[in-house]
C-alpha atoms as a PDB file:
ATOM      1  CA  MET A   1     -24.545  -6.290   2.134  1.00  0.00           C
ATOM      2  CA  THR A   2     -22.813  -3.208   3.483  1.00  0.00           C
ATOM      3  CA  TYR A   3     -19.885  -2.036   1.421  1.00  0.00           C
ATOM      4  CA  SER A   4     -16.843  -0.272   2.750  1.00  0.00           C
ATOM      5  CA  PHE A   5     -13.257   0.279   1.764  1.00  0.00           C
ATOM      6  CA  GLU A   6     -12.567  -3.171   3.232  1.00  0.00           C
ATOM      7  CA  ASN A   7     -14.339  -4.692   0.210  1.00  0.00           C
ATOM      8  CA  ILE A   8     -11.861  -3.116  -2.214  1.00  0.00           C
ATOM      9  CA  ILE A   9      -9.263  -5.676  -3.267  1.00  0.00           C
ATOM     10  CA  ALA A  10      -6.674  -2.891  -3.605  1.00  0.00           C
ATOM     11  CA  TRP A  11      -7.185  -2.033   0.082  1.00  0.00           C
ATOM     12  CA  GLN A  12      -7.008  -5.722   1.064  1.00  0.00           C
ATOM     13  CA  LYS A  13      -3.701  -6.126  -0.794  1.00  0.00           C
ATOM     14  CA  ALA A  14      -2.351  -2.915   0.745  1.00  0.00           C
ATOM     15  CA  HIS A  15      -3.408  -4.088   4.202  1.00  0.00           C
ATOM     16  CA  SER A  16      -1.599  -7.399   3.702  1.00  0.00           C
ATOM     17  CA  PHE A  17       1.482  -5.444   2.650  1.00  0.00           C
ATOM     18  CA  VAL A  18       1.307  -3.341   5.833  1.00  0.00           C
ATOM     19  CA  LEU A  19       1.085  -6.435   8.013  1.00  0.00           C
ATOM     20  CA  LEU A  20       4.038  -8.003   6.230  1.00  0.00           C
ATOM     21  CA  THR A  21       6.013  -4.770   6.517  1.00  0.00           C
ATOM     22  CA  TYR A  22       5.472  -4.719  10.280  1.00  0.00           C
ATOM     23  CA  THR A  23       6.541  -8.348  10.534  1.00  0.00           C
ATOM     24  CA  VAL A  24       9.801  -7.972   8.622  1.00  0.00           C
ATOM     25  CA  THR A  25      10.792  -4.641  10.157  1.00  0.00           C
ATOM     26  CA  LYS A  26      10.566  -6.087  13.689  1.00  0.00           C
ATOM     27  CA  HIS A  27      14.099  -7.418  13.338  1.00  0.00           C
ATOM     28  CA  PHE A  28      15.620  -4.281  11.796  1.00  0.00           C
ATOM     29  CA  PRO A  29      18.469  -2.832  13.874  1.00  0.00           C
ATOM     30  CA  GLU A  30      17.450  -0.887  16.976  1.00  0.00           C
ATOM     31  CA  ASP A  31      19.229   2.209  15.667  1.00  0.00           C
ATOM     32  CA  GLU A  32      16.753   2.217  12.743  1.00  0.00           C
ATOM     33  CA  LYS A  33      13.734   2.417  15.060  1.00  0.00           C
ATOM     34  CA  PHE A  34      13.210   6.117  14.334  1.00  0.00           C
ATOM     35  CA  GLY A  35      14.746   5.938  10.870  1.00  0.00           C
ATOM     36  CA  LEU A  36      14.062   3.392   8.188  1.00  0.00           C
ATOM     37  CA  THR A  37      11.758   1.207  10.302  1.00  0.00           C
ATOM     38  CA  SER A  38       9.481   4.123  11.144  1.00  0.00           C
ATOM     39  CA  GLN A  39       9.528   5.577   7.625  1.00  0.00           C
ATOM     40  CA  PHE A  40       8.826   2.216   5.989  1.00  0.00           C
ATOM     41  CA  ARG A  41       5.892   1.516   8.288  1.00  0.00           C
ATOM     42  CA  ARG A  42       4.420   5.001   7.935  1.00  0.00           C
ATOM     43  CA  ALA A  43       4.604   4.892   4.132  1.00  0.00           C
ATOM     44  CA  ALA A  44       2.996   1.421   4.099  1.00  0.00           C
ATOM     45  CA  ILE A  45       0.159   2.583   6.347  1.00  0.00           C
ATOM     46  CA  SER A  46      -0.336   5.607   4.105  1.00  0.00           C
ATOM     47  CA  ILE A  47      -1.173   3.332   1.172  1.00  0.00           C
ATOM     48  CA  GLU A  48      -4.147   1.666   2.820  1.00  0.00           C
ATOM     49  CA  ALA A  49      -5.234   4.793   4.725  1.00  0.00           C
ATOM     50  CA  ASN A  50      -5.448   6.862   1.552  1.00  0.00           C
ATOM     51  CA  ILE A  51      -7.423   4.135  -0.209  1.00  0.00           C
ATOM     52  CA  ALA A  52      -9.832   4.107   2.739  1.00  0.00           C
ATOM     53  CA  GLU A  53     -10.146   7.892   2.799  1.00  0.00           C
ATOM     54  CA  GLY A  54     -10.501   8.181  -0.970  1.00  0.00           C
ATOM     55  CA  TYR A  55     -13.240   5.558  -0.989  1.00  0.00           C
ATOM     56  CA  LYS A  56     -15.702   7.924   0.699  1.00  0.00           C
ATOM     57  CA  LYS A  57     -14.948  10.920  -1.497  1.00  0.00           C
ATOM     58  CA  ILE A  58     -17.823  11.794  -3.775  1.00  0.00           C
ATOM     59  CA  SER A  59     -16.098  13.365  -6.748  1.00  0.00           C
ATOM     60  CA  LYS A  60     -13.939  11.431  -9.149  1.00  0.00           C
ATOM     61  CA  ALA A  61     -11.190  14.038  -8.819  1.00  0.00           C
ATOM     62  CA  ASP A  62     -11.121  13.737  -5.019  1.00  0.00           C
ATOM     63  CA  LYS A  63     -11.079   9.937  -5.184  1.00  0.00           C
ATOM     64  CA  LEU A  64      -8.244   9.921  -7.687  1.00  0.00           C
ATOM     65  CA  ARG A  65      -6.246  12.444  -5.637  1.00  0.00           C
ATOM     66  CA  PHE A  66      -6.256  10.148  -2.603  1.00  0.00           C
ATOM     67  CA  PHE A  67      -5.543   7.064  -4.683  1.00  0.00           C
ATOM     68  CA  ASN A  68      -2.654   8.901  -6.334  1.00  0.00           C
ATOM     69  CA  ILE A  69      -1.259   9.720  -2.894  1.00  0.00           C
ATOM     70  CA  ALA A  70      -1.541   5.991  -2.115  1.00  0.00           C
ATOM     71  CA  GLN A  71       0.385   5.241  -5.313  1.00  0.00           C
ATOM     72  CA  GLY A  72       3.106   7.682  -4.238  1.00  0.00           C
ATOM     73  CA  SER A  73       3.374   5.999  -0.845  1.00  0.00           C
ATOM     74  CA  LEU A  74       3.553   2.637  -2.566  1.00  0.00           C
ATOM     75  CA  GLU A  75       6.514   3.827  -4.643  1.00  0.00           C
ATOM     76  CA  GLU A  76       8.146   5.165  -1.499  1.00  0.00           C
ATOM     77  CA  CYS A  77       7.812   1.661  -0.039  1.00  0.00           C
ATOM     78  CA  ARG A  78       9.434   0.185  -3.143  1.00  0.00           C
ATOM     79  CA  ASP A  79      12.457   2.351  -2.413  1.00  0.00           C
ATOM     80  CA  TYR A  80      12.564   1.350   1.278  1.00  0.00           C
ATOM     81  CA  HIS A  81      12.195  -2.275   0.214  1.00  0.00           C
ATOM     82  CA  LEU A  82      15.269  -2.048  -2.017  1.00  0.00           C
ATOM     83  CA  LEU A  83      17.209  -0.028   0.544  1.00  0.00           C
ATOM     84  CA  SER A  84      16.422  -2.588   3.250  1.00  0.00           C
ATOM     85  CA  ARG A  85      17.780  -5.344   1.022  1.00  0.00           C
ATOM     86  CA  ASP A  86      20.904  -3.394   0.139  1.00  0.00           C
ATOM     87  CA  LEU A  87      21.584  -2.640   3.810  1.00  0.00           C
ATOM     88  CA  GLY A  88      21.283  -6.351   4.595  1.00  0.00           C
ATOM     89  CA  TYR A  89      18.192  -5.942   6.789  1.00  0.00           C
ATOM     90  CA  LEU A  90      16.009  -8.403   4.841  1.00  0.00           C
ATOM     91  CA  TYR A  91      16.423 -12.134   4.445  1.00  0.00           C
ATOM     92  CA  PRO A  92      16.067 -13.255   0.805  1.00  0.00           C
ATOM     93  CA  ASP A  93      12.661 -14.855   1.464  1.00  0.00           C
ATOM     94  CA  GLU A  94      11.414 -11.663   3.172  1.00  0.00           C
ATOM     95  CA  PHE A  95      12.603  -9.594   0.236  1.00  0.00           C
ATOM     96  CA  GLU A  96      10.691 -11.840  -2.163  1.00  0.00           C
ATOM     97  CA  GLN A  97       7.522 -11.834  -0.025  1.00  0.00           C
ATOM     98  CA  LEU A  98       7.574  -8.041   0.183  1.00  0.00           C
ATOM     99  CA  HIS A  99       8.260  -7.791  -3.533  1.00  0.00           C
ATOM    100  CA  GLN A 100       5.274  -9.973  -4.413  1.00  0.00           C
ATOM    101  CA  SER A 101       3.028  -8.195  -1.926  1.00  0.00           C
ATOM    102  CA  ILE A 102       3.880  -4.713  -3.181  1.00  0.00           C
ATOM    103  CA  GLU A 103       3.433  -5.834  -6.797  1.00  0.00           C
ATOM    104  CA  GLU A 104      -0.055  -7.156  -6.024  1.00  0.00           C
ATOM    105  CA  ALA A 105      -1.026  -3.995  -4.157  1.00  0.00           C
ATOM    106  CA  SER A 106       0.265  -1.863  -7.017  1.00  0.00           C
ATOM    107  CA  LYS A 107      -1.574  -3.893  -9.640  1.00  0.00           C
ATOM    108  CA  PHE A 108      -4.940  -3.645  -7.910  1.00  0.00           C
ATOM    109  CA  LEU A 109      -4.536   0.014  -6.986  1.00  0.00           C
ATOM    110  CA  ASN A 110      -3.742   0.836 -10.609  1.00  0.00           C
ATOM    111  CA  LEU A 111      -6.745  -1.204 -11.786  1.00  0.00           C
ATOM    112  CA  TYR A 112      -9.011   0.608  -9.342  1.00  0.00           C
ATOM    113  CA  CYS A 113      -7.762   4.003 -10.527  1.00  0.00           C
ATOM    114  CA  LYS A 114      -8.334   3.032 -14.166  1.00  0.00           C
ATOM    115  CA  ALA A 115     -11.848   1.853 -13.322  1.00  0.00           C
ATOM    116  CA  ILE A 116     -12.616   5.222 -11.724  1.00  0.00           C
ATOM    117  CA  VAL A 117     -11.183   7.145 -14.680  1.00  0.00           C
ATOM    118  CA  ASN A 118     -13.289   5.035 -17.045  1.00  0.00           C
ATOM    119  CA  ASN A 119     -16.432   5.379 -14.869  1.00  0.00           C
ATOM    120  CA  ILE A 120     -16.513   1.634 -14.239  1.00  0.00           C
ATOM    121  CA  ALA A 121     -15.922   1.641 -10.473  1.00  0.00           C
ATOM    122  CA  MET A 122     -18.895   2.167  -8.232  1.00  0.00           C
ATOM    123  CA  LYS A 123     -18.931   2.471  -4.446  1.00  0.00           C
ATOM    124  CA  ASP A 124     -19.901  -1.169  -4.150  1.00  0.00           C
ATOM    125  CA  ASP A 125     -17.273  -2.461  -6.583  1.00  0.00           C
ATOM    126  CA  ALA A 126     -14.671  -4.725  -5.071  1.00  0.00           C
ATOM    127  CA  ILE A 127     -11.800  -4.056  -7.479  1.00  0.00           C
END
């Protein structure tokens, strides 16, 4: 079996979050196209992209640096998530779906980082 970043559950959860983010931001106001919509999408993409890039780094420090950037982007998305709700751009069910999705992504990203710190994660691990 060939392993890639796609086998990492943290990446899978982040990818699901990106897809959901694109879905819910489609109905954001047109005047947010280059504002909140763009920023939210870019930050969401950054989560999964940094997990993918960090996966191929050889040193623990390099891996953790990219995963920490992903964690920062995830927190940025938490803020956009709350802001979108407060601006009335999200339906209650969308807010809840995003909330659950970001919580899952955060949980698995944190677990993956802990596994790397504790020398448990290997390239072929699917945490």
